[in-house]
Amino acid sequence: MGHGGTSASIAVELICTLIYAAAILGYTLMGLLSSRNYKSWPLYRYLCWYAGCTCAVIVIIGPFAAAAHSDFRIHMIGHLLLGMLGPLLMAIAAPVTLLLRSLPVSRARGLSSFLRSPYPALVCHPIVAALLNTGGLWLLYTTPLYTWMHQYTAVNLLVHLHILLAGYVFTISMLYIDPVAHRYGYVYRAIVAIIAAALHGMLSKYIYIHPPAGIPAGDAETGAMWMYYGGDLVQLIIIGLFCYRWYRDARPRKLVVSTALDS
């Protein structure tokens, strides 16, 4: 790698480190600020945000990211961290709700209006989110895009950014933890989630048989197994949270019956 490539790598690592630090510090400050006007922000949400951001950054920069360039097995573990586990943890942290709690009323209303506008509503539609997430992975592993991302820094960053954002959008379109423009029914979202999970599993099997160019067969098989079983594990967590929220919203409410004796 030439001097220009080295300089670009240093710049990327510096920028990503600053973004990571800003995300951690910003979330912490928002939590402290909102706790002055509302009840204290739960500790587990702080921890989920910190862990989710860490899952993302170690895949993009640092020793793990460097090893993923030459080892498909590590690359696939990175895919699970960046595109599935990290977004899930970040979604559980409810950053939009925290931001709304932290902003002045006028700005919070402005943000709420934007979240109800057509573009966020379209992107967060379950089918669109599934296409962006799973469809993006099919495009990555069945076209020369996988090779290009290891040859060009800009492509590498764009691919990683897409995987992170698509994973996050898909997760929040399944689990309505933060406010959304339109809430689709549980059955509808369950059908989309099942189809997306099936396509993810099919892709892992395709990679097992037809690995990307330049990937040794043994590495491809191990990486595909990581994708298949690791993906199933994260999806089971999402399914568990999904079913819990479905049960919570569908269970009968206790009725308080007033009688003359109560008065």
Protein backbone atom coordinates (compact mmCIF):
# COMPACT_ATOMS: atom_id res chain seq x y z
CA MET A 1 0.00 0.00 0.00
CA GLY A 2 1.37 3.41 -0.95
CA HIS A 3 1.74 6.55 1.08
CA GLY A 4 -1.62 7.85 -0.15
CA GLY A 5 -3.37 4.67 0.93
CA THR A 6 -1.73 4.80 4.33
CA SER A 7 -2.75 8.44 4.77
CA ALA A 8 -6.32 7.65 3.75
CA SER A 9 -6.47 4.76 6.25
CA ILE A 10 -5.21 6.99 9.05
CA ALA A 11 -7.78 9.64 8.15
CA VAL A 12 -10.59 7.08 8.10
CA GLU A 13 -9.57 5.67 11.48
CA LEU A 14 -9.40 9.15 12.99
CA ILE A 15 -12.80 10.17 11.63
CA CYS A 16 -14.44 6.91 12.75
CA THR A 17 -12.90 7.22 16.20
CA LEU A 18 -14.22 10.77 16.55
CA ILE A 19 -17.70 9.70 15.40
CA TYR A 20 -17.65 6.82 17.88
CA ALA A 21 -16.59 9.10 20.73
CA ALA A 22 -19.24 11.66 19.76
CA ALA A 23 -21.95 8.98 19.67
CA ILE A 24 -21.01 7.70 23.12
CA LEU A 25 -20.63 11.15 24.68
CA GLY A 26 -23.70 12.57 22.96
CA TYR A 27 -25.95 9.74 24.11
CA THR A 28 -24.62 10.03 27.66
CA LEU A 29 -25.20 13.78 27.79
CA MET A 30 -28.70 13.42 26.35
CA GLY A 31 -29.47 10.81 29.01
CA LEU A 32 -28.29 13.09 31.80
CA LEU A 33 -30.13 16.08 30.32
CA SER A 34 -33.43 14.25 29.87
CA SER A 35 -33.23 12.84 33.39
CA ARG A 36 -33.54 16.39 34.74
CA ASN A 37 -37.09 16.68 33.37
CA TYR A 38 -38.18 13.03 33.27
CA LYS A 39 -37.47 9.90 35.23
CA SER A 40 -33.93 8.59 34.99
CA TRP A 41 -33.01 6.98 31.69
CA PRO A 42 -32.57 3.20 32.27
CA LEU A 43 -29.01 1.95 32.73
CA TYR A 44 -29.56 -1.00 30.39
CA ARG A 45 -30.28 1.42 27.52
CA TYR A 46 -26.93 3.17 28.09
CA LEU A 47 -25.17 -0.19 28.08
CA CYS A 48 -26.96 -1.32 24.91
CA TRP A 49 -25.96 1.89 23.11
CA TYR A 50 -22.34 1.63 24.18
CA ALA A 51 -22.17 -2.05 23.19
CA GLY A 52 -23.95 -1.46 19.86
CA CYS A 53 -21.63 1.38 18.87
CA THR A 54 -18.62 -0.72 19.88
CA CYS A 55 -19.83 -3.64 17.74
CA ALA A 56 -19.96 -1.26 14.77
CA VAL A 57 -16.65 0.53 15.19
CA ILE A 58 -14.46 -2.53 15.71
CA VAL A 59 -15.69 -3.90 12.38
CA ILE A 60 -14.76 -0.72 10.51
CA ILE A 61 -11.39 0.17 12.06
CA GLY A 62 -8.73 -1.49 14.20
CA PRO A 63 -7.15 -4.97 14.27
CA PHE A 64 -10.43 -6.83 13.76
CA ALA A 65 -11.24 -4.81 10.65
CA ALA A 66 -7.72 -5.36 9.28
CA ALA A 67 -7.98 -9.12 9.78
CA ALA A 68 -11.38 -9.21 8.05
CA HIS A 69 -9.76 -7.97 4.82
CA SER A 70 -7.82 -11.21 4.44
CA ASP A 71 -9.95 -13.73 6.36
CA PHE A 72 -13.52 -14.36 5.18
CA ARG A 73 -14.41 -16.06 8.45
CA ILE A 74 -13.59 -12.93 10.44
CA HIS A 75 -15.35 -10.84 7.81
CA MET A 76 -18.54 -12.82 8.36
CA ILE A 77 -18.33 -12.44 12.14
CA GLY A 78 -17.99 -8.73 11.44
CA HIS A 79 -21.14 -8.88 9.33
CA LEU A 80 -23.04 -10.31 12.30
CA LEU A 81 -21.70 -7.59 14.61
CA LEU A 82 -22.20 -4.70 12.21
CA GLY A 83 -25.43 -5.69 10.50
CA MET A 84 -27.33 -7.61 13.16
CA LEU A 85 -26.16 -7.52 16.78
CA GLY A 86 -24.96 -3.91 16.76
CA PRO A 87 -28.19 -2.54 15.22
CA LEU A 88 -30.29 -4.63 17.61
CA LEU A 89 -28.47 -3.23 20.64
CA MET A 90 -28.71 0.32 19.27
CA ALA A 91 -32.44 -0.10 18.62
CA ILE A 92 -33.02 -1.33 22.18
CA ALA A 93 -31.24 1.82 23.38
CA ALA A 94 -34.12 3.88 21.88
CA PRO A 95 -31.97 6.83 20.71
CA VAL A 96 -34.84 8.67 19.01
CA THR A 97 -36.97 8.60 22.16
CA LEU A 98 -34.02 9.86 24.17
CA LEU A 99 -33.38 12.64 21.65
CA LEU A 100 -37.04 13.72 21.79
CA ARG A 101 -36.84 13.83 25.59
CA SER A 102 -33.69 15.96 25.45
CA LEU A 103 -34.78 18.58 22.92
CA PRO A 104 -36.79 21.73 23.65
CA VAL A 105 -40.49 21.28 22.94
CA SER A 106 -40.43 23.23 19.65
CA ARG A 107 -37.52 21.24 18.24
CA ALA A 108 -38.99 17.97 19.47
CA ARG A 109 -42.18 18.77 17.57
CA GLY A 110 -40.12 19.53 14.47
CA LEU A 111 -38.34 16.20 14.73
CA SER A 112 -41.65 14.39 15.25
CA SER A 113 -43.03 16.05 12.12
CA PHE A 114 -40.00 14.91 10.12
CA LEU A 115 -40.37 11.34 11.40
CA ARG A 116 -43.97 11.36 10.14
CA SER A 117 -42.97 12.67 6.69
CA PRO A 118 -43.11 10.41 3.59
CA TYR A 119 -39.38 9.59 3.29
CA PRO A 120 -38.84 8.15 6.82
CA ALA A 121 -42.19 6.38 6.51
CA LEU A 122 -41.09 4.76 3.23
CA VAL A 123 -37.65 3.70 4.46
CA CYS A 124 -39.10 2.23 7.66
CA HIS A 125 -41.81 0.28 5.85
CA PRO A 126 -41.16 -3.38 6.78
CA ILE A 127 -40.88 -4.56 3.17
CA VAL A 128 -38.61 -1.70 2.09
CA ALA A 129 -36.43 -2.17 5.18
CA ALA A 130 -36.16 -5.91 4.46
CA LEU A 131 -35.17 -5.23 0.84
CA LEU A 132 -32.52 -2.73 1.90
CA ASN A 133 -31.13 -5.13 4.48
CA THR A 134 -31.31 -8.61 2.96
CA GLY A 135 -31.27 -7.43 -0.65
CA GLY A 136 -28.12 -5.45 0.01
CA LEU A 137 -26.39 -8.56 1.31
CA TRP A 138 -27.36 -10.58 -1.76
CA LEU A 139 -25.94 -7.78 -3.91
CA LEU A 140 -22.71 -7.74 -1.90
CA TYR A 141 -21.97 -11.46 -2.03
CA THR A 142 -23.23 -12.32 -5.52
CA THR A 143 -21.60 -9.48 -7.48
CA PRO A 144 -18.06 -8.04 -7.77
CA LEU A 145 -19.00 -5.57 -5.02
CA TYR A 146 -17.33 -7.79 -2.40
CA THR A 147 -14.04 -7.58 -4.32
CA TRP A 148 -14.35 -3.84 -4.85
CA MET A 149 -14.91 -3.16 -1.16
CA HIS A 150 -11.51 -4.70 -0.42
CA GLN A 151 -9.82 -2.70 -3.18
CA TYR A 152 -11.24 0.78 -2.65
CA THR A 153 -11.50 2.60 0.68
CA ALA A 154 -14.56 4.62 -0.35
CA VAL A 155 -16.48 1.52 -1.44
CA ASN A 156 -15.49 -0.25 1.78
CA LEU A 157 -16.86 2.59 3.90
CA LEU A 158 -20.07 2.89 1.90
CA VAL A 159 -20.73 -0.85 2.14
CA HIS A 160 -20.13 -0.88 5.88
CA LEU A 161 -22.32 2.19 6.35
CA HIS A 162 -25.12 0.61 4.35
CA ILE A 163 -24.93 -2.65 6.31
CA LEU A 164 -25.11 -0.79 9.62
CA LEU A 165 -27.95 1.55 8.64
CA ALA A 166 -29.94 -1.12 6.80
CA GLY A 167 -29.62 -3.45 9.77
CA TYR A 168 -30.78 -0.70 12.13
CA VAL A 169 -33.72 0.34 9.94
CA PHE A 170 -34.85 -3.27 9.56
CA THR A 171 -34.67 -3.84 13.31
CA ILE A 172 -36.69 -0.74 14.19
CA SER A 173 -39.23 -1.63 11.49
CA MET A 174 -39.80 -4.94 13.28
CA LEU A 175 -39.58 -3.72 16.89
CA TYR A 176 -41.37 -0.45 17.51
CA ILE A 177 -39.23 0.73 20.40
CA ASP A 178 -38.91 4.30 19.10
CA PRO A 179 -41.74 6.38 17.58
CA VAL A 180 -42.50 5.54 13.93
CA ALA A 181 -44.64 7.19 11.27
CA HIS A 182 -46.98 4.23 10.84
CA ARG A 183 -47.38 1.10 12.94
CA TYR A 184 -48.02 -2.04 10.90
CA GLY A 185 -49.74 -5.02 12.49
CA TYR A 186 -47.88 -7.83 14.21
CA VAL A 187 -49.01 -10.45 11.71
CA TYR A 188 -47.86 -8.32 8.78
CA ARG A 189 -44.44 -7.70 10.34
CA ALA A 190 -44.11 -11.35 11.34
CA ILE A 191 -44.63 -12.46 7.72
CA VAL A 192 -41.99 -9.99 6.49
CA ALA A 193 -39.56 -11.11 9.21
CA ILE A 194 -40.02 -14.79 8.30
CA ILE A 195 -39.37 -14.10 4.61
CA ALA A 196 -36.32 -11.97 5.41
CA ALA A 197 -34.93 -14.68 7.70
CA ALA A 198 -35.45 -17.29 4.99
CA LEU A 199 -33.64 -15.15 2.40
CA HIS A 200 -30.77 -14.62 4.86
CA GLY A 201 -30.50 -18.37 5.39
CA MET A 202 -30.65 -19.01 1.64
CA LEU A 203 -27.83 -16.55 1.09
CA SER A 204 -25.61 -18.29 3.65
CA LYS A 205 -26.21 -21.61 1.86
CA TYR A 206 -25.45 -19.97 -1.50
CA ILE A 207 -22.15 -18.63 -0.14
CA TYR A 208 -21.33 -22.11 1.19
CA ILE A 209 -21.57 -23.49 -2.34
CA HIS A 210 -20.62 -20.41 -4.41
CA PRO A 211 -18.17 -18.28 -2.40
CA PRO A 212 -17.16 -14.79 -3.60
CA ALA A 213 -14.21 -14.61 -5.97
CA GLY A 214 -10.86 -15.30 -4.33
CA ILE A 215 -12.27 -16.87 -1.16
CA PRO A 216 -10.91 -20.38 -0.35
CA ALA A 217 -13.62 -23.04 -0.14
CA GLY A 218 -12.82 -23.88 3.50
CA ASP A 219 -13.03 -20.25 4.61
CA ALA A 220 -16.26 -19.79 2.67
CA GLU A 221 -17.85 -22.81 4.32
CA THR A 222 -16.89 -21.66 7.81
CA GLY A 223 -17.98 -18.10 7.09
CA ALA A 224 -21.30 -19.29 5.70
CA MET A 225 -21.88 -21.35 8.84
CA TRP A 226 -21.16 -18.29 10.99
CA MET A 227 -23.67 -16.36 8.92
CA TYR A 228 -26.31 -19.09 9.14
CA TYR A 229 -26.10 -20.02 12.82
CA GLY A 230 -25.02 -16.62 14.12
CA GLY A 231 -27.80 -14.97 12.15
CA ASP A 232 -30.31 -17.43 13.57
CA LEU A 233 -29.19 -16.59 17.10
CA VAL A 234 -29.68 -12.84 16.67
CA GLN A 235 -32.98 -13.43 14.88
CA LEU A 236 -34.15 -15.55 17.80
CA ILE A 237 -33.50 -12.62 20.12
CA ILE A 238 -35.48 -10.33 17.83
CA ILE A 239 -38.30 -12.89 17.65
CA GLY A 240 -38.34 -13.14 21.44
CA LEU A 241 -38.61 -9.37 21.84
CA PHE A 242 -41.21 -9.23 19.07
CA CYS A 243 -43.39 -11.91 20.70
CA TYR A 244 -43.05 -10.30 24.11
CA ARG A 245 -44.26 -6.94 22.78
CA TRP A 246 -47.06 -8.68 20.87
CA TYR A 247 -48.19 -10.46 24.04
CA ARG A 248 -47.93 -7.28 26.06
CA ASP A 249 -50.11 -5.34 23.59
CA ALA A 250 -52.65 -8.16 23.07
CA ARG A 251 -53.19 -9.36 26.64
CA PRO A 252 -56.54 -8.46 28.22
CA ARG A 253 -56.53 -5.37 30.37
CA LYS A 254 -57.73 -5.70 33.94
CA LEU A 255 -61.10 -4.11 34.41
CA VAL A 256 -61.86 -2.28 37.60
CA VAL A 257 -65.52 -2.77 38.50
CA SER A 258 -66.92 -0.20 40.87
CA THR A 259 -69.66 -1.25 43.26
CA ALA A 260 -71.61 0.51 45.86
CA LEU A 261 -69.31 -0.95 48.50
CA ASP A 262 -66.35 0.79 46.86
CA SER A 263 -67.90 4.23 47.11
